[in-house]
Amino acid sequence: MSAPYSFIVLTYNEELHLQRFMESVAELQAPVFVVDSGSTDATLAIARQFGVEVIYHTFVNHPLQWDFALKNCPIQTPWVICLDADQVVTPELKKHLLNFRDEDFTGINGIYFNRKNFFKGRWIKHGGYYPFYLLKMFRYSTGYSDTSEKMDHRFVVPGKTIVWKDGHILEENLKENHISFWIDKHNRYSDLLAQQEVERMQQGFQSAERPAFWGSPNERKAWFKKHWYKLPRYARPVLYFTQRMIFQLGIFDGRTGIIFHFLQAFWFRLMVDIKIDELLKQQDNGSTK
């Protein structure tokens, strides 16, 4: 019996990750579609080795790339699972998927997976990083990519969703073992987030999800994001880092974890705030010319 779901994975120079990902889903015997944005390493050779279909599309940002993927991959199954190349399916999640039957999920449109995130080989267990629920599986005709975002890719599913708390995906970007890669990537991400926040400052906060503290994981994230925008710049990275380190016990993630929380919660968020001020100054100078 063929699986009632297909996988889509985005790639760009993912030779370190793609084989690991493909091996983790091979037992499921589900169709896999790779949407590549111009890999120059062995990524495409690995894809051919596993016999998956590859579609090329120029990369602009993650939400737009996922939007293209969902609209252009020839999905023939009622469900689709959208994962990143640096993620793998764990045995407990694989058990859920091996036993998955569409008829058992009538009235359900989306399923959240629980993610375990790793940095330099260490599981980041604290600081708000676990449990961490991501909407990764949904009905193909129902879910879509939230293109109002510029950096964070998020899928939106109208209707009822459920959470598989023991359905883990492991996420470890091995390229980030070199800190220069992490810094370069997040420098680019800070550009996108700064641009997005300036737009929302001028146009008002908009979200594809209803902000709700007691809602679904995505609605809860939208609630926090809405209130994050109201916090004073430069103070909020300090507040966020303190929250993660003290109140969410990030201090117990050890030296590697503390470095991760500092980079994520303070350095990266401070960069965003600095770039917001730069963008606002550029706009003010342009309007006075």
Protein backbone atom coordinates (compact mmCIF):
# COMPACT_ATOMS: atom_id res chain seq x y z
CA MET A 1 0.00 0.00 0.00
CA SER A 2 1.42 3.38 -1.01
CA ALA A 3 1.86 6.06 1.63
CA PRO A 4 -0.94 8.68 1.80
CA TYR A 5 1.64 11.46 2.01
CA SER A 6 4.57 12.87 0.05
CA PHE A 7 7.71 14.65 1.26
CA ILE A 8 9.02 17.95 -0.03
CA VAL A 9 12.50 19.13 0.93
CA LEU A 10 14.32 22.32 -0.08
CA THR A 11 18.01 22.11 -0.93
CA TYR A 12 21.00 24.29 -1.67
CA ASN A 13 24.40 22.62 -1.29
CA GLU A 14 23.08 20.02 1.14
CA GLU A 15 25.53 17.18 0.51
CA LEU A 16 26.21 17.01 4.26
CA HIS A 17 22.53 16.46 5.02
CA LEU A 18 20.50 15.06 2.13
CA GLN A 19 21.64 11.43 2.34
CA ARG A 20 21.01 11.44 6.09
CA PHE A 21 17.51 12.80 5.49
CA MET A 22 16.72 10.35 2.68
CA GLU A 23 17.88 7.36 4.73
CA SER A 24 15.60 8.42 7.59
CA VAL A 25 12.48 8.34 5.37
CA ALA A 26 13.38 5.49 3.01
CA GLU A 27 11.41 2.86 4.97
CA LEU A 28 8.22 4.91 4.55
CA GLN A 29 8.30 4.40 0.76
CA ALA A 30 6.66 7.77 0.16
CA PRO A 31 7.27 10.03 -2.84
CA VAL A 32 9.98 12.64 -2.23
CA PHE A 33 10.35 15.89 -4.15
CA VAL A 34 13.48 18.03 -3.92
CA VAL A 35 13.22 21.71 -4.77
CA ASP A 36 16.77 22.89 -5.42
CA SER A 37 18.01 26.45 -5.84
CA GLY A 38 21.26 25.84 -7.71
CA SER A 39 23.41 23.43 -5.73
CA THR A 40 27.02 23.16 -6.87
CA ASP A 41 28.09 20.30 -4.60
CA ALA A 42 26.97 16.65 -4.61
CA THR A 43 23.36 17.40 -3.61
CA LEU A 44 21.83 16.56 -6.99
CA ALA A 45 23.93 13.41 -7.35
CA ILE A 46 22.60 12.20 -3.99
CA ALA A 47 19.05 13.01 -5.07
CA ARG A 48 19.53 10.98 -8.25
CA GLN A 49 20.98 8.12 -6.19
CA PHE A 50 17.69 7.89 -4.29
CA GLY A 51 15.60 8.36 -7.43
CA VAL A 52 13.72 11.42 -6.24
CA GLU A 53 12.25 14.08 -8.51
CA VAL A 54 14.17 17.37 -8.55
CA ILE A 55 12.66 20.74 -9.46
CA TYR A 56 14.77 23.88 -9.81
CA HIS A 57 13.67 27.30 -8.61
CA THR A 58 15.65 30.45 -7.88
CA PHE A 59 15.73 31.21 -4.17
CA VAL A 60 14.39 34.52 -2.84
CA ASN A 61 13.40 33.56 0.70
CA HIS A 62 12.09 30.49 2.48
CA PRO A 63 8.36 31.38 2.52
CA LEU A 64 8.35 32.09 -1.23
CA GLN A 65 10.37 28.95 -1.95
CA TRP A 66 7.87 26.84 -0.03
CA ASP A 67 5.01 28.59 -1.79
CA PHE A 68 6.56 27.62 -5.14
CA ALA A 69 7.18 24.06 -3.97
CA LEU A 70 3.60 23.50 -2.85
CA LYS A 71 2.23 24.91 -6.09
CA ASN A 72 4.60 23.16 -8.50
CA CYS A 73 5.52 19.75 -7.11
CA PRO A 74 3.23 17.13 -8.71
CA ILE A 75 1.79 15.88 -5.45
CA GLN A 76 -0.67 13.02 -5.89
CA THR A 77 -1.22 12.17 -2.22
CA PRO A 78 -3.83 13.71 0.12
CA TRP A 79 -1.15 14.76 2.63
CA VAL A 80 2.24 16.44 2.30
CA ILE A 81 5.17 16.64 4.75
CA CYS A 82 7.50 19.63 4.36
CA LEU A 83 10.89 19.17 5.99
CA ASP A 84 14.30 20.79 5.81
CA ALA A 85 17.30 18.93 4.45
CA ASP A 86 19.08 19.15 7.81
CA GLN A 87 16.24 17.35 9.59
CA VAL A 88 15.76 13.61 10.06
CA VAL A 89 12.75 11.52 11.02
CA THR A 90 13.20 9.65 14.29
CA PRO A 91 11.94 6.09 14.94
CA GLU A 92 8.99 7.32 17.06
CA LEU A 93 7.85 9.67 14.30
CA LYS A 94 8.44 6.96 11.72
CA LYS A 95 6.13 4.67 13.72
CA HIS A 96 3.39 7.31 13.56
CA LEU A 97 3.86 7.64 9.80
CA LEU A 98 4.04 3.89 9.11
CA ASN A 99 0.67 3.51 10.83
CA PHE A 100 -0.85 6.64 9.30
CA ARG A 101 -4.15 6.18 7.47
CA ASP A 102 -5.99 9.11 5.95
CA GLU A 103 -9.39 7.72 7.01
CA ASP A 104 -8.29 7.80 10.66
CA PHE A 105 -7.82 11.59 10.51
CA THR A 106 -11.17 12.79 9.18
CA GLY A 107 -11.67 16.38 10.27
CA ILE A 108 -7.94 16.92 10.90
CA ASN A 109 -6.10 19.22 8.48
CA GLY A 110 -2.65 19.52 10.01
CA ILE A 111 -0.19 17.79 12.36
CA TYR A 112 2.57 19.38 14.43
CA PHE A 113 5.86 17.50 14.90
CA ASN A 114 8.07 17.99 17.95
CA ARG A 115 11.58 19.19 17.09
CA LYS A 116 14.87 18.55 18.84
CA ASN A 117 17.43 21.16 17.78
CA PHE A 118 21.18 20.54 17.90
CA PHE A 119 24.05 23.04 17.81
CA LYS A 120 27.64 21.86 17.45
CA GLY A 121 26.55 18.35 18.39
CA ARG A 122 24.62 19.33 21.54
CA TRP A 123 20.88 19.01 21.97
CA ILE A 124 19.50 22.42 23.01
CA LYS A 125 17.03 21.18 25.59
CA HIS A 126 16.29 24.42 27.45
CA GLY A 127 15.80 28.11 26.71
CA GLY A 128 12.38 27.53 25.15
CA TYR A 129 13.80 25.19 22.51
CA TYR A 130 12.13 22.01 23.72
CA PRO A 131 9.43 21.02 23.32
CA PHE A 132 9.11 22.98 20.09
CA TYR A 133 6.19 22.18 17.81
CA LEU A 134 6.34 22.77 14.05
CA LEU A 135 3.43 22.38 11.64
CA LYS A 136 5.06 20.08 9.10
CA MET A 137 2.30 17.75 7.86
CA PHE A 138 -0.99 18.87 6.38
CA ARG A 139 -3.60 18.17 3.76
CA TYR A 140 -2.14 19.11 0.42
CA SER A 141 -5.21 20.97 -0.78
CA THR A 142 -5.57 22.91 2.47
CA GLY A 143 -2.21 24.08 3.85
CA TYR A 144 -0.11 26.88 2.39
CA SER A 145 3.08 28.87 3.02
CA ASP A 146 2.73 32.18 4.86
CA THR A 147 4.33 34.54 2.34
CA SER A 148 3.74 37.56 4.56
CA GLU A 149 6.91 36.47 6.34
CA LYS A 150 10.32 37.26 4.87
CA MET A 151 12.52 34.94 6.90
CA ASP A 152 10.59 32.57 9.15
CA HIS A 153 8.82 29.97 7.05
CA ARG A 154 5.50 28.94 8.50
CA PHE A 155 2.72 26.84 7.11
CA VAL A 156 -0.89 27.83 7.68
CA VAL A 157 -3.68 25.27 7.91
CA PRO A 158 -7.29 26.38 8.34
CA GLY A 159 -9.31 24.04 10.50
CA LYS A 160 -8.36 21.56 13.19
CA THR A 161 -4.76 20.53 13.90
CA ILE A 162 -3.20 18.08 16.34
CA VAL A 163 0.21 17.69 17.97
CA TRP A 164 2.35 14.55 18.00
CA LYS A 165 4.38 15.24 21.14
CA ASP A 166 6.49 12.11 20.71
CA GLY A 167 6.74 12.52 16.94
CA HIS A 168 10.24 13.98 16.83
CA ILE A 169 12.31 15.41 14.06
CA LEU A 170 15.98 16.01 14.76
CA GLU A 171 17.45 19.20 13.32
CA GLU A 172 21.21 19.68 13.10
CA ASN A 173 22.85 21.88 10.50
CA LEU A 174 26.36 20.48 10.29
CA LYS A 175 27.52 23.51 8.32
CA GLU A 176 26.96 25.55 11.47
CA ASN A 177 29.83 23.68 13.13
CA HIS A 178 31.85 26.49 11.51
CA ILE A 179 30.75 29.62 13.34
CA SER A 180 31.53 31.81 10.34
CA PHE A 181 28.74 30.04 8.41
CA TRP A 182 26.28 30.65 11.26
CA ILE A 183 27.23 34.33 11.46
CA ASP A 184 26.99 34.87 7.69
CA LYS A 185 23.59 33.16 7.55
CA HIS A 186 22.14 35.10 10.44
CA ASN A 187 23.55 38.35 9.13
CA ARG A 188 21.44 37.77 6.01
CA TYR A 189 18.44 36.78 8.14
CA SER A 190 18.77 39.97 10.20
CA ASP A 191 18.46 42.00 6.98
CA LEU A 192 15.17 40.28 6.18
CA LEU A 193 13.75 40.61 9.68
CA ALA A 194 14.68 44.28 9.90
CA GLN A 195 12.98 44.99 6.56
CA GLN A 196 9.90 43.09 7.67
CA GLU A 197 9.64 44.86 11.00
CA VAL A 198 9.98 48.31 9.40
CA GLU A 199 7.16 47.40 7.02
CA ARG A 200 4.97 46.28 9.91
CA MET A 201 5.78 49.42 11.88
CA GLN A 202 4.48 51.47 8.96
CA GLN A 203 1.61 49.26 7.82
CA GLY A 204 0.49 47.69 11.08
CA PHE A 205 0.96 44.16 12.36
CA GLN A 206 -0.51 41.51 10.09
CA SER A 207 -0.40 37.77 10.56
CA ALA A 208 -1.86 34.83 8.68
CA GLU A 209 -2.45 33.23 12.09
CA ARG A 210 -4.76 34.57 14.79
CA PRO A 211 -2.53 35.68 17.69
CA ALA A 212 -3.71 33.69 20.72
CA PHE A 213 -1.69 32.79 23.81
CA TRP A 214 -3.84 29.70 24.47
CA GLY A 215 -4.19 28.75 20.79
CA SER A 216 -2.27 26.35 18.57
CA PRO A 217 1.56 26.46 18.59
CA ASN A 218 1.50 28.79 15.55
CA GLU A 219 -1.15 31.06 17.10
CA ARG A 220 0.89 31.24 20.30
CA LYS A 221 4.00 32.25 18.31
CA ALA A 222 1.98 34.94 16.53
CA TRP A 223 0.86 36.26 19.94
CA PHE A 224 4.46 36.52 21.18
CA LYS A 225 5.59 38.13 17.92
CA LYS A 226 2.83 40.74 18.12
CA HIS A 227 3.98 41.73 21.61
CA TRP A 228 7.67 41.53 20.70
CA TYR A 229 7.16 44.34 18.20
CA LYS A 230 5.86 46.58 21.01
CA LEU A 231 8.98 46.19 23.17
CA PRO A 232 11.63 48.95 23.05
CA ARG A 233 14.48 48.25 20.68
CA TYR A 234 17.86 47.43 22.25
CA ALA A 235 16.16 46.52 25.52
CA ARG A 236 14.31 43.54 24.06
CA PRO A 237 17.44 41.50 23.18
CA VAL A 238 18.53 41.83 26.82
CA LEU A 239 15.06 40.82 28.06
CA TYR A 240 14.87 37.90 25.63
CA PHE A 241 18.33 36.59 26.53
CA THR A 242 17.52 36.86 30.25
CA GLN A 243 14.25 35.01 29.75
CA ARG A 244 15.91 32.17 27.89
CA MET A 245 18.88 31.86 30.22
CA ILE A 246 17.13 32.25 33.58
CA PHE A 247 13.39 31.64 33.35
CA GLN A 248 13.64 28.99 30.61
CA LEU A 249 16.74 27.41 32.17
CA GLY A 250 19.09 27.91 29.22
CA ILE A 251 21.94 28.04 31.71
CA PHE A 252 21.61 24.25 32.03
CA ASP A 253 22.47 23.69 28.35
CA GLY A 254 26.17 23.94 29.18
CA ARG A 255 28.86 26.02 27.52
CA THR A 256 27.81 25.18 23.95
CA GLY A 257 24.16 25.84 24.76
CA ILE A 258 24.95 29.16 26.43
CA ILE A 259 26.88 30.24 23.35
CA PHE A 260 23.88 29.26 21.21
CA HIS A 261 21.41 31.19 23.36
CA PHE A 262 23.67 34.25 23.40
CA LEU A 263 24.04 34.23 19.62
CA GLN A 264 20.35 33.57 18.97
CA ALA A 265 18.70 35.66 21.66
CA PHE A 266 21.11 38.56 22.02
CA TRP A 267 23.58 38.96 19.13
CA PHE A 268 21.10 38.19 16.35
CA ARG A 269 18.25 40.23 17.84
CA LEU A 270 20.58 43.15 18.53
CA MET A 271 21.67 43.08 14.87
CA VAL A 272 18.02 43.29 13.83
CA ASP A 273 17.43 46.33 16.04
CA ILE A 274 20.53 48.11 14.73
CA LYS A 275 19.47 47.48 11.14
CA ILE A 276 15.93 48.73 11.84
CA ASP A 277 17.39 52.05 12.95
CA GLU A 278 19.60 52.16 9.86
CA LEU A 279 16.61 51.56 7.58
CA LEU A 280 14.53 54.22 9.33
CA LYS A 281 17.40 56.71 9.04
CA GLN A 282 17.78 55.95 5.34
CA GLN A 283 14.07 56.57 4.83
CA ASP A 284 14.23 59.85 6.76
CA ASN A 285 17.20 61.03 4.73
CA GLY A 286 15.46 60.07 1.51
CA SER A 287 12.30 61.96 2.45
CA THR A 288 14.22 65.16 3.21
CA LYS A 289 16.06 65.30 -0.10
